[in-house]
Amino acid sequence: MDKNRTHEFLIEKGLFITAIFSIMVIFIIILFILVEGLPAFEDYGFFNFLFGLNWSPSRGEYGVFAMIIGSLCVTLLSLLMAVPLSLLCAIFMAEVAPNSIRKILKPVVETLSGIPSVVYGFFGLIVLVPFIRETFGGTGFSMFSASLILTVMVLPTIISISQDSLRSVPHEYREASFGLGATNWQTIKNIIFPAALPGIVTAIILGMGRAIGETLAVIMVVGNVVQIPESIFDPVRTLTANIAIEMGYATGLHYNALFGTAIVLFLIIMILLIIANYIQYKYKVDIGGGYL
């Protein structure tokens, strides 16, 4: 018994140390970004930096508002396409597909998540951009191109977690629904999906984080023009692309401004996570008090 307690104590302390170490690493990263980025806010002005429309380091202009809009538009457009496809696929795999089909689809979805982002970007550059150029006009490098690439990239994340959430709903819910005479689709729509909704919201949050933080694939197809888009076929530049493109040669205030861009990106992600977690909590309350 003493040996088991010692073993349990060591495991518990090891997990605690690992968690503390992870938190410390996160705080160190945040502190480093703040130290390097705050001088840009002090010299250029926080509101000038945040709401400025012009980004031209050679002229001392460091406005990131157009890139904020570009990042949000690319992310939201990709989620608008990815979420319905992901949820329908997850529902099919979890509740409808026979085991033989599920055994084929699951490895395929997992394989998609393992493909390097540069491969997605190269596919978009060679195939997608020329197709959009010939079909819709323009250069083909656009917000729409980047959103299509991101849609494919976030599908595995949302599908896998949503499927696990749907499969984790107790089987008794299904039996009770069938016992009341509900069809399979009525059971999925009225019982299974609402019960799994907190996990599905988590899946969408993670997919959103993947989309807004993606860099390499987006750089290759988005066009990288600093402007507020008037159409989904206009080229834009995202915050992550801006950092990756210019960090290699930036010096002085330009260097600090790129870290300031990272701070803005961090703040946007935090705001989106707070909103998403609030929605998740609200649905948990609604499900606990109303649906089940």
C-alpha atoms as a PDB file:
ATOM      1  CA  MET A   1       0.000   0.000   0.000  1.00  0.00           C
ATOM      2  CA  ASP A   2       2.831   2.408   0.878  1.00  0.00           C
ATOM      3  CA  LYS A   3       4.469   1.657  -2.457  1.00  0.00           C
ATOM      4  CA  ASN A   4       1.250   2.457  -4.302  1.00  0.00           C
ATOM      5  CA  ARG A   5       0.843   5.708  -2.400  1.00  0.00           C
ATOM      6  CA  THR A   6       4.417   6.727  -3.176  1.00  0.00           C
ATOM      7  CA  HIS A   7       3.870   5.897  -6.814  1.00  0.00           C
ATOM      8  CA  GLU A   8       0.653   7.944  -6.886  1.00  0.00           C
ATOM      9  CA  PHE A   9       2.361  10.847  -5.086  1.00  0.00           C
ATOM     10  CA  LEU A  10       5.208  10.934  -7.627  1.00  0.00           C
ATOM     11  CA  ILE A  11       2.807  10.830 -10.555  1.00  0.00           C
ATOM     12  CA  GLU A  12       0.698  13.610  -9.050  1.00  0.00           C
ATOM     13  CA  LYS A  13       3.710  15.851  -8.411  1.00  0.00           C
ATOM     14  CA  GLY A  14       5.127  15.089 -11.852  1.00  0.00           C
ATOM     15  CA  LEU A  15       1.875  16.160 -13.514  1.00  0.00           C
ATOM     16  CA  PHE A  16       1.788  19.289 -11.336  1.00  0.00           C
ATOM     17  CA  ILE A  17       5.354  20.228 -12.296  1.00  0.00           C
ATOM     18  CA  THR A  18       4.580  19.651 -15.965  1.00  0.00           C
ATOM     19  CA  ALA A  19       1.509  21.892 -15.759  1.00  0.00           C
ATOM     20  CA  ILE A  20       3.451  24.648 -13.966  1.00  0.00           C
ATOM     21  CA  PHE A  21       6.242  24.408 -16.535  1.00  0.00           C
ATOM     22  CA  SER A  22       3.746  24.760 -19.396  1.00  0.00           C
ATOM     23  CA  ILE A  23       2.203  27.835 -17.776  1.00  0.00           C
ATOM     24  CA  MET A  24       5.650  29.362 -17.231  1.00  0.00           C
ATOM     25  CA  VAL A  25       6.583  28.842 -20.886  1.00  0.00           C
ATOM     26  CA  ILE A  26       3.384  30.587 -21.975  1.00  0.00           C
ATOM     27  CA  PHE A  27       4.041  33.536 -19.673  1.00  0.00           C
ATOM     28  CA  ILE A  28       7.651  33.806 -20.864  1.00  0.00           C
ATOM     29  CA  ILE A  29       6.494  33.921 -24.491  1.00  0.00           C
ATOM     30  CA  ILE A  30       3.864  36.564 -23.682  1.00  0.00           C
ATOM     31  CA  LEU A  31       6.399  38.619 -21.722  1.00  0.00           C
ATOM     32  CA  PHE A  32       8.914  38.456 -24.576  1.00  0.00           C
ATOM     33  CA  ILE A  33       6.312  39.621 -27.103  1.00  0.00           C
ATOM     34  CA  LEU A  34       5.231  42.481 -24.836  1.00  0.00           C
ATOM     35  CA  VAL A  35       8.779  43.647 -24.161  1.00  0.00           C
ATOM     36  CA  GLU A  36       9.624  43.699 -27.865  1.00  0.00           C
ATOM     37  CA  GLY A  37       6.307  45.105 -29.072  1.00  0.00           C
ATOM     38  CA  LEU A  38       5.403  47.826 -26.568  1.00  0.00           C
ATOM     39  CA  PRO A  39       8.045  50.287 -27.881  1.00  0.00           C
ATOM     40  CA  ALA A  40       6.090  50.450 -31.145  1.00  0.00           C
ATOM     41  CA  PHE A  41       2.961  51.505 -29.254  1.00  0.00           C
ATOM     42  CA  GLU A  42       4.918  54.075 -27.261  1.00  0.00           C
ATOM     43  CA  ASP A  43       6.612  55.663 -30.295  1.00  0.00           C
ATOM     44  CA  TYR A  44       3.812  55.428 -32.863  1.00  0.00           C
ATOM     45  CA  GLY A  45       0.762  55.513 -30.580  1.00  0.00           C
ATOM     46  CA  PHE A  46      -1.523  52.613 -29.742  1.00  0.00           C
ATOM     47  CA  PHE A  47      -4.597  53.917 -31.582  1.00  0.00           C
ATOM     48  CA  ASN A  48      -2.543  55.059 -34.576  1.00  0.00           C
ATOM     49  CA  PHE A  49      -1.040  51.590 -34.717  1.00  0.00           C
ATOM     50  CA  LEU A  50      -4.346  49.786 -34.250  1.00  0.00           C
ATOM     51  CA  PHE A  51      -6.556  51.883 -36.525  1.00  0.00           C
ATOM     52  CA  GLY A  52      -4.049  53.147 -39.074  1.00  0.00           C
ATOM     53  CA  LEU A  53      -4.779  52.091 -42.643  1.00  0.00           C
ATOM     54  CA  ASN A  54      -1.261  52.427 -44.058  1.00  0.00           C
ATOM     55  CA  TRP A  55       1.613  50.040 -43.473  1.00  0.00           C
ATOM     56  CA  SER A  56       4.783  51.440 -45.030  1.00  0.00           C
ATOM     57  CA  PRO A  57       7.892  50.989 -42.852  1.00  0.00           C
ATOM     58  CA  SER A  58      10.019  52.969 -45.317  1.00  0.00           C
ATOM     59  CA  ARG A  59       7.855  56.032 -44.592  1.00  0.00           C
ATOM     60  CA  GLY A  60       7.459  55.307 -40.898  1.00  0.00           C
ATOM     61  CA  GLU A  61       3.779  54.249 -41.177  1.00  0.00           C
ATOM     62  CA  TYR A  62       2.684  51.260 -39.087  1.00  0.00           C
ATOM     63  CA  GLY A  63      -1.085  50.933 -39.258  1.00  0.00           C
ATOM     64  CA  VAL A  64      -2.427  47.373 -38.968  1.00  0.00           C
ATOM     65  CA  PHE A  65      -6.189  47.942 -39.222  1.00  0.00           C
ATOM     66  CA  ALA A  66      -6.380  46.689 -42.809  1.00  0.00           C
ATOM     67  CA  MET A  67      -4.529  43.525 -41.799  1.00  0.00           C
ATOM     68  CA  ILE A  68      -6.863  43.006 -38.844  1.00  0.00           C
ATOM     69  CA  ILE A  69      -9.818  43.165 -41.218  1.00  0.00           C
ATOM     70  CA  GLY A  70      -8.030  40.848 -43.643  1.00  0.00           C
ATOM     71  CA  SER A  71      -7.285  38.278 -40.930  1.00  0.00           C
ATOM     72  CA  LEU A  72     -10.848  38.310 -39.601  1.00  0.00           C
ATOM     73  CA  CYS A  73     -12.388  38.103 -43.076  1.00  0.00           C
ATOM     74  CA  VAL A  74     -10.203  35.176 -44.137  1.00  0.00           C
ATOM     75  CA  THR A  75     -10.859  33.335 -40.866  1.00  0.00           C
ATOM     76  CA  LEU A  76     -14.615  33.912 -40.778  1.00  0.00           C
ATOM     77  CA  LEU A  77     -15.064  33.037 -44.457  1.00  0.00           C
ATOM     78  CA  SER A  78     -13.141  29.802 -43.976  1.00  0.00           C
ATOM     79  CA  LEU A  79     -15.214  28.907 -40.892  1.00  0.00           C
ATOM     80  CA  LEU A  80     -18.400  29.744 -42.776  1.00  0.00           C
ATOM     81  CA  MET A  81     -17.489  27.038 -45.277  1.00  0.00           C
ATOM     82  CA  ALA A  82     -15.769  24.585 -42.933  1.00  0.00           C
ATOM     83  CA  VAL A  83     -18.241  24.381 -40.041  1.00  0.00           C
ATOM     84  CA  PRO A  84     -21.282  23.041 -41.984  1.00  0.00           C
ATOM     85  CA  LEU A  85     -19.124  20.557 -43.911  1.00  0.00           C
ATOM     86  CA  SER A  86     -17.358  19.413 -40.738  1.00  0.00           C
ATOM     87  CA  LEU A  87     -20.529  18.976 -38.699  1.00  0.00           C
ATOM     88  CA  LEU A  88     -22.323  17.062 -41.440  1.00  0.00           C
ATOM     89  CA  CYS A  89     -19.311  14.792 -41.867  1.00  0.00           C
ATOM     90  CA  ALA A  90     -19.003  14.284 -38.102  1.00  0.00           C
ATOM     91  CA  ILE A  91     -22.700  13.434 -37.764  1.00  0.00           C
ATOM     92  CA  PHE A  92     -22.453  10.982 -40.650  1.00  0.00           C
ATOM     93  CA  MET A  93     -19.371   9.277 -39.219  1.00  0.00           C
ATOM     94  CA  ALA A  94     -20.683   9.144 -35.653  1.00  0.00           C
ATOM     95  CA  GLU A  95     -24.365   8.315 -36.112  1.00  0.00           C
ATOM     96  CA  VAL A  96     -25.108   7.159 -39.649  1.00  0.00           C
ATOM     97  CA  ALA A  97     -22.159   5.465 -41.339  1.00  0.00           C
ATOM     98  CA  PRO A  98     -21.653   1.705 -40.876  1.00  0.00           C
ATOM     99  CA  ASN A  99     -18.442   0.547 -39.232  1.00  0.00           C
ATOM    100  CA  SER A 100     -16.862  -0.418 -42.555  1.00  0.00           C
ATOM    101  CA  ILE A 101     -17.280   3.108 -43.931  1.00  0.00           C
ATOM    102  CA  ARG A 102     -16.210   4.685 -40.639  1.00  0.00           C
ATOM    103  CA  LYS A 103     -12.974   2.681 -40.641  1.00  0.00           C
ATOM    104  CA  ILE A 104     -12.141   4.159 -44.043  1.00  0.00           C
ATOM    105  CA  LEU A 105     -13.167   7.753 -43.370  1.00  0.00           C
ATOM    106  CA  LYS A 106     -11.447   8.160 -40.007  1.00  0.00           C
ATOM    107  CA  PRO A 107      -7.885   7.496 -41.297  1.00  0.00           C
ATOM    108  CA  VAL A 108      -8.553   9.744 -44.300  1.00  0.00           C
ATOM    109  CA  VAL A 109      -9.577  12.638 -42.026  1.00  0.00           C
ATOM    110  CA  GLU A 110      -6.562  12.054 -39.772  1.00  0.00           C
ATOM    111  CA  THR A 111      -4.285  12.032 -42.825  1.00  0.00           C
ATOM    112  CA  LEU A 112      -5.561  15.477 -43.814  1.00  0.00           C
ATOM    113  CA  SER A 113      -4.417  16.859 -40.461  1.00  0.00           C
ATOM    114  CA  GLY A 114      -0.915  15.486 -41.020  1.00  0.00           C
ATOM    115  CA  ILE A 115      -0.288  17.144 -44.381  1.00  0.00           C
ATOM    116  CA  PRO A 116       2.227  20.029 -44.040  1.00  0.00           C
ATOM    117  CA  SER A 117       0.811  23.492 -44.578  1.00  0.00           C
ATOM    118  CA  VAL A 118       3.336  24.178 -47.348  1.00  0.00           C
ATOM    119  CA  VAL A 119       1.772  21.349 -49.362  1.00  0.00           C
ATOM    120  CA  TYR A 120      -1.651  22.967 -49.022  1.00  0.00           C
ATOM    121  CA  GLY A 121      -0.161  26.302 -50.036  1.00  0.00           C
ATOM    122  CA  PHE A 122       1.614  24.787 -53.021  1.00  0.00           C
ATOM    123  CA  PHE A 123      -1.601  23.099 -54.164  1.00  0.00           C
ATOM    124  CA  GLY A 124      -3.433  26.400 -53.857  1.00  0.00           C
ATOM    125  CA  LEU A 125      -0.703  28.217 -55.783  1.00  0.00           C
ATOM    126  CA  ILE A 126      -0.572  25.735 -58.652  1.00  0.00           C
ATOM    127  CA  VAL A 127      -4.213  24.637 -58.913  1.00  0.00           C
ATOM    128  CA  LEU A 128      -6.570  26.917 -57.014  1.00  0.00           C
ATOM    129  CA  VAL A 129      -5.173  30.349 -57.902  1.00  0.00           C
ATOM    130  CA  PRO A 130      -5.175  29.722 -61.713  1.00  0.00           C
ATOM    131  CA  PHE A 131      -8.682  28.239 -61.495  1.00  0.00           C
ATOM    132  CA  ILE A 132     -10.049  31.295 -59.656  1.00  0.00           C
ATOM    133  CA  ARG A 133      -8.200  33.610 -62.069  1.00  0.00           C
ATOM    134  CA  GLU A 134      -9.772  31.937 -65.113  1.00  0.00           C
ATOM    135  CA  THR A 135     -13.232  31.541 -63.560  1.00  0.00           C
ATOM    136  CA  PHE A 136     -13.774  34.789 -61.651  1.00  0.00           C
ATOM    137  CA  GLY A 137     -11.110  37.086 -63.072  1.00  0.00           C
ATOM    138  CA  GLY A 138      -8.461  39.065 -61.254  1.00  0.00           C
ATOM    139  CA  THR A 139      -5.090  37.689 -60.253  1.00  0.00           C
ATOM    140  CA  GLY A 140      -6.464  34.664 -58.410  1.00  0.00           C
ATOM    141  CA  PHE A 141      -4.546  35.657 -55.280  1.00  0.00           C
ATOM    142  CA  SER A 142      -7.373  36.602 -52.966  1.00  0.00           C
ATOM    143  CA  MET A 143      -9.147  36.281 -49.675  1.00  0.00           C
ATOM    144  CA  PHE A 144     -11.336  33.587 -51.244  1.00  0.00           C
ATOM    145  CA  SER A 145      -8.323  31.488 -52.242  1.00  0.00           C
ATOM    146  CA  ALA A 146      -6.881  31.641 -48.742  1.00  0.00           C
ATOM    147  CA  SER A 147     -10.265  30.818 -47.206  1.00  0.00           C
ATOM    148  CA  LEU A 148     -10.660  27.731 -49.389  1.00  0.00           C
ATOM    149  CA  ILE A 149      -7.232  26.469 -48.360  1.00  0.00           C
ATOM    150  CA  LEU A 150      -7.963  27.145 -44.682  1.00  0.00           C
ATOM    151  CA  THR A 151     -11.330  25.398 -45.007  1.00  0.00           C
ATOM    152  CA  VAL A 152      -9.582  22.166 -45.979  1.00  0.00           C
ATOM    153  CA  MET A 153      -6.954  22.650 -43.272  1.00  0.00           C
ATOM    154  CA  VAL A 154      -9.425  23.085 -40.391  1.00  0.00           C
ATOM    155  CA  LEU A 155     -11.779  20.294 -41.472  1.00  0.00           C
ATOM    156  CA  PRO A 156      -9.866  17.490 -39.680  1.00  0.00           C
ATOM    157  CA  THR A 157      -9.769  19.382 -36.373  1.00  0.00           C
ATOM    158  CA  ILE A 158     -13.486  20.163 -36.283  1.00  0.00           C
ATOM    159  CA  ILE A 159     -14.532  16.757 -37.634  1.00  0.00           C
ATOM    160  CA  SER A 160     -12.450  14.705 -35.187  1.00  0.00           C
ATOM    161  CA  ILE A 161     -13.444  16.594 -32.035  1.00  0.00           C
ATOM    162  CA  SER A 162     -17.097  16.906 -33.077  1.00  0.00           C
ATOM    163  CA  GLN A 163     -17.255  13.202 -33.811  1.00  0.00           C
ATOM    164  CA  ASP A 164     -15.788  12.362 -30.412  1.00  0.00           C
ATOM    165  CA  SER A 165     -18.318  14.690 -28.759  1.00  0.00           C
ATOM    166  CA  LEU A 166     -21.221  13.043 -30.564  1.00  0.00           C
ATOM    167  CA  ARG A 167     -19.972   9.540 -29.733  1.00  0.00           C
ATOM    168  CA  SER A 168     -19.559  10.461 -26.060  1.00  0.00           C
ATOM    169  CA  VAL A 169     -23.275  11.195 -25.597  1.00  0.00           C
ATOM    170  CA  PRO A 170     -24.656   8.389 -23.367  1.00  0.00           C
ATOM    171  CA  HIS A 171     -26.393   5.629 -25.294  1.00  0.00           C
ATOM    172  CA  GLU A 172     -29.346   5.853 -22.908  1.00  0.00           C
ATOM    173  CA  TYR A 173     -30.352   9.133 -24.579  1.00  0.00           C
ATOM    174  CA  ARG A 174     -30.689   7.373 -27.900  1.00  0.00           C
ATOM    175  CA  GLU A 175     -32.649   4.472 -26.408  1.00  0.00           C
ATOM    176  CA  ALA A 176     -35.033   6.823 -24.616  1.00  0.00           C
ATOM    177  CA  SER A 177     -35.631   8.790 -27.816  1.00  0.00           C
ATOM    178  CA  PHE A 178     -36.222   5.666 -29.886  1.00  0.00           C
ATOM    179  CA  GLY A 179     -38.529   4.354 -27.167  1.00  0.00           C
ATOM    180  CA  LEU A 180     -40.702   7.456 -27.571  1.00  0.00           C
ATOM    181  CA  GLY A 181     -41.040   6.747 -31.283  1.00  0.00           C
ATOM    182  CA  ALA A 182     -38.508   9.259 -32.638  1.00  0.00           C
ATOM    183  CA  THR A 183     -36.692   8.531 -35.873  1.00  0.00           C
ATOM    184  CA  ASN A 184     -32.923   8.380 -36.118  1.00  0.00           C
ATOM    185  CA  TRP A 185     -32.740  11.887 -37.612  1.00  0.00           C
ATOM    186  CA  GLN A 186     -35.101  13.315 -34.954  1.00  0.00           C
ATOM    187  CA  THR A 187     -32.911  11.754 -32.273  1.00  0.00           C
ATOM    188  CA  ILE A 188     -29.769  13.262 -33.764  1.00  0.00           C
ATOM    189  CA  LYS A 189     -31.325  16.700 -34.220  1.00  0.00           C
ATOM    190  CA  ASN A 190     -33.196  17.013 -30.918  1.00  0.00           C
ATOM    191  CA  ILE A 191     -31.140  14.908 -28.499  1.00  0.00           C
ATOM    192  CA  ILE A 192     -27.632  13.973 -29.643  1.00  0.00           C
ATOM    193  CA  PHE A 193     -26.595  17.259 -31.255  1.00  0.00           C
ATOM    194  CA  PRO A 194     -27.749  19.534 -28.368  1.00  0.00           C
ATOM    195  CA  ALA A 195     -26.068  17.239 -25.823  1.00  0.00           C
ATOM    196  CA  ALA A 196     -22.790  17.306 -27.780  1.00  0.00           C
ATOM    197  CA  LEU A 197     -22.938  21.035 -28.499  1.00  0.00           C
ATOM    198  CA  PRO A 198     -20.353  22.146 -25.881  1.00  0.00           C
ATOM    199  CA  GLY A 199     -17.796  19.788 -27.414  1.00  0.00           C
ATOM    200  CA  ILE A 200     -18.728  20.933 -30.909  1.00  0.00           C
ATOM    201  CA  VAL A 201     -18.220  24.569 -29.884  1.00  0.00           C
ATOM    202  CA  THR A 202     -14.795  23.573 -28.555  1.00  0.00           C
ATOM    203  CA  ALA A 203     -14.014  22.003 -31.933  1.00  0.00           C
ATOM    204  CA  ILE A 204     -14.989  25.215 -33.721  1.00  0.00           C
ATOM    205  CA  ILE A 205     -12.834  27.251 -31.308  1.00  0.00           C
ATOM    206  CA  LEU A 206      -9.799  25.087 -32.076  1.00  0.00           C
ATOM    207  CA  GLY A 207     -10.530  25.281 -35.799  1.00  0.00           C
ATOM    208  CA  MET A 208     -10.776  29.060 -35.537  1.00  0.00           C
ATOM    209  CA  GLY A 209      -7.423  29.174 -33.768  1.00  0.00           C
ATOM    210  CA  ARG A 210      -5.855  27.066 -36.514  1.00  0.00           C
ATOM    211  CA  ALA A 211      -7.322  29.306 -39.212  1.00  0.00           C
ATOM    212  CA  ILE A 212      -6.349  32.677 -37.736  1.00  0.00           C
ATOM    213  CA  GLY A 213      -2.852  31.479 -36.829  1.00  0.00           C
ATOM    214  CA  GLU A 214      -1.963  29.809 -40.129  1.00  0.00           C
ATOM    215  CA  THR A 215       0.870  31.539 -41.969  1.00  0.00           C
ATOM    216  CA  LEU A 216       2.702  29.720 -44.736  1.00  0.00           C
ATOM    217  CA  ALA A 217      -0.232  28.426 -46.775  1.00  0.00           C
ATOM    218  CA  VAL A 218      -1.969  31.806 -46.498  1.00  0.00           C
ATOM    219  CA  ILE A 219       1.114  33.727 -47.657  1.00  0.00           C
ATOM    220  CA  MET A 220       1.265  31.662 -50.835  1.00  0.00           C
ATOM    221  CA  VAL A 221      -2.298  32.391 -52.037  1.00  0.00           C
ATOM    222  CA  VAL A 222      -3.705  35.478 -50.293  1.00  0.00           C
ATOM    223  CA  GLY A 223      -1.940  38.141 -52.383  1.00  0.00           C
ATOM    224  CA  ASN A 224      -0.355  40.024 -49.440  1.00  0.00           C
ATOM    225  CA  VAL A 225      -1.704  43.472 -50.346  1.00  0.00           C
ATOM    226  CA  VAL A 226      -2.364  45.767 -47.387  1.00  0.00           C
ATOM    227  CA  GLN A 227      -5.913  46.932 -48.058  1.00  0.00           C
ATOM    228  CA  ILE A 228      -9.459  46.553 -46.756  1.00  0.00           C
ATOM    229  CA  PRO A 229     -11.165  44.127 -49.173  1.00  0.00           C
ATOM    230  CA  GLU A 230     -14.265  45.176 -51.056  1.00  0.00           C
ATOM    231  CA  SER A 231     -14.809  41.698 -52.483  1.00  0.00           C
ATOM    232  CA  ILE A 232     -13.885  38.148 -51.517  1.00  0.00           C
ATOM    233  CA  PHE A 233     -11.738  38.105 -54.678  1.00  0.00           C
ATOM    234  CA  ASP A 234      -9.553  40.997 -53.514  1.00  0.00           C
ATOM    235  CA  PRO A 235      -6.028  40.285 -52.247  1.00  0.00           C
ATOM    236  CA  VAL A 236      -5.393  41.028 -48.582  1.00  0.00           C
ATOM    237  CA  ARG A 237      -2.630  40.606 -46.035  1.00  0.00           C
ATOM    238  CA  THR A 238      -3.122  38.870 -42.708  1.00  0.00           C
ATOM    239  CA  LEU A 239      -1.346  39.689 -39.455  1.00  0.00           C
ATOM    240  CA  THR A 240       0.571  36.408 -39.424  1.00  0.00           C
ATOM    241  CA  ALA A 241       1.653  36.859 -43.046  1.00  0.00           C
ATOM    242  CA  ASN A 242       2.879  40.375 -42.289  1.00  0.00           C
ATOM    243  CA  ILE A 243       5.118  39.102 -39.487  1.00  0.00           C
ATOM    244  CA  ALA A 244       6.513  36.231 -41.533  1.00  0.00           C
ATOM    245  CA  ILE A 245       7.193  38.310 -44.647  1.00  0.00           C
ATOM    246  CA  GLU A 246       9.024  41.210 -42.997  1.00  0.00           C
ATOM    247  CA  MET A 247      10.665  39.809 -39.875  1.00  0.00           C
ATOM    248  CA  GLY A 248      13.761  38.670 -41.769  1.00  0.00           C
ATOM    249  CA  TYR A 249      14.921  42.208 -42.594  1.00  0.00           C
ATOM    250  CA  ALA A 250      13.185  44.406 -40.008  1.00  0.00           C
ATOM    251  CA  THR A 251      15.244  46.620 -37.706  1.00  0.00           C
ATOM    252  CA  GLY A 252      14.560  49.339 -35.168  1.00  0.00           C
ATOM    253  CA  LEU A 253      10.972  50.533 -34.882  1.00  0.00           C
ATOM    254  CA  HIS A 254       9.981  48.309 -37.797  1.00  0.00           C
ATOM    255  CA  TYR A 255      11.141  45.286 -35.770  1.00  0.00           C
ATOM    256  CA  ASN A 256       9.158  46.459 -32.742  1.00  0.00           C
ATOM    257  CA  ALA A 257       6.105  47.106 -34.917  1.00  0.00           C
ATOM    258  CA  LEU A 258       6.113  43.476 -36.064  1.00  0.00           C
ATOM    259  CA  PHE A 259       6.063  42.361 -32.449  1.00  0.00           C
ATOM    260  CA  GLY A 260       3.304  44.912 -31.922  1.00  0.00           C
ATOM    261  CA  THR A 261       1.444  43.101 -34.706  1.00  0.00           C
ATOM    262  CA  ALA A 262       1.893  39.875 -32.728  1.00  0.00           C
ATOM    263  CA  ILE A 263       0.404  41.586 -29.655  1.00  0.00           C
ATOM    264  CA  VAL A 264      -2.628  42.674 -31.687  1.00  0.00           C
ATOM    265  CA  LEU A 265      -3.010  39.125 -33.018  1.00  0.00           C
ATOM    266  CA  PHE A 266      -2.782  37.774 -29.483  1.00  0.00           C
ATOM    267  CA  LEU A 267      -5.462  40.214 -28.288  1.00  0.00           C
ATOM    268  CA  ILE A 268      -7.777  39.252 -31.163  1.00  0.00           C
ATOM    269  CA  ILE A 269      -7.389  35.558 -30.376  1.00  0.00           C
ATOM    270  CA  MET A 270      -8.072  36.209 -26.693  1.00  0.00           C
ATOM    271  CA  ILE A 271     -11.244  38.185 -27.501  1.00  0.00           C
ATOM    272  CA  LEU A 272     -12.478  35.475 -29.860  1.00  0.00           C
ATOM    273  CA  LEU A 273     -11.755  32.778 -27.261  1.00  0.00           C
ATOM    274  CA  ILE A 274     -13.622  34.715 -24.575  1.00  0.00           C
ATOM    275  CA  ILE A 275     -16.639  35.087 -26.864  1.00  0.00           C
ATOM    276  CA  ALA A 276     -16.518  31.422 -27.866  1.00  0.00           C
ATOM    277  CA  ASN A 277     -16.158  30.242 -24.264  1.00  0.00           C
ATOM    278  CA  TYR A 278     -19.097  32.424 -23.245  1.00  0.00           C
ATOM    279  CA  ILE A 279     -21.193  30.821 -25.986  1.00  0.00           C
ATOM    280  CA  GLN A 280     -20.025  27.390 -24.868  1.00  0.00           C
ATOM    281  CA  TYR A 281     -20.939  28.130 -21.240  1.00  0.00           C
ATOM    282  CA  LYS A 282     -24.318  29.522 -22.294  1.00  0.00           C
ATOM    283  CA  TYR A 283     -25.125  26.386 -24.273  1.00  0.00           C
ATOM    284  CA  LYS A 284     -24.070  24.204 -21.341  1.00  0.00           C
ATOM    285  CA  VAL A 285     -26.510  26.074 -19.130  1.00  0.00           C
ATOM    286  CA  ASP A 286     -29.272  25.902 -21.754  1.00  0.00           C
ATOM    287  CA  ILE A 287     -28.700  22.191 -22.322  1.00  0.00           C
ATOM    288  CA  GLY A 288     -28.615  21.413 -18.625  1.00  0.00           C
ATOM    289  CA  GLY A 289     -31.722  23.446 -17.907  1.00  0.00           C
ATOM    290  CA  GLY A 290     -33.785  22.985 -21.019  1.00  0.00           C
ATOM    291  CA  TYR A 291     -32.973  20.251 -23.455  1.00  0.00           C
ATOM    292  CA  LEU A 292     -32.143  17.284 -21.275  1.00  0.00           C
END
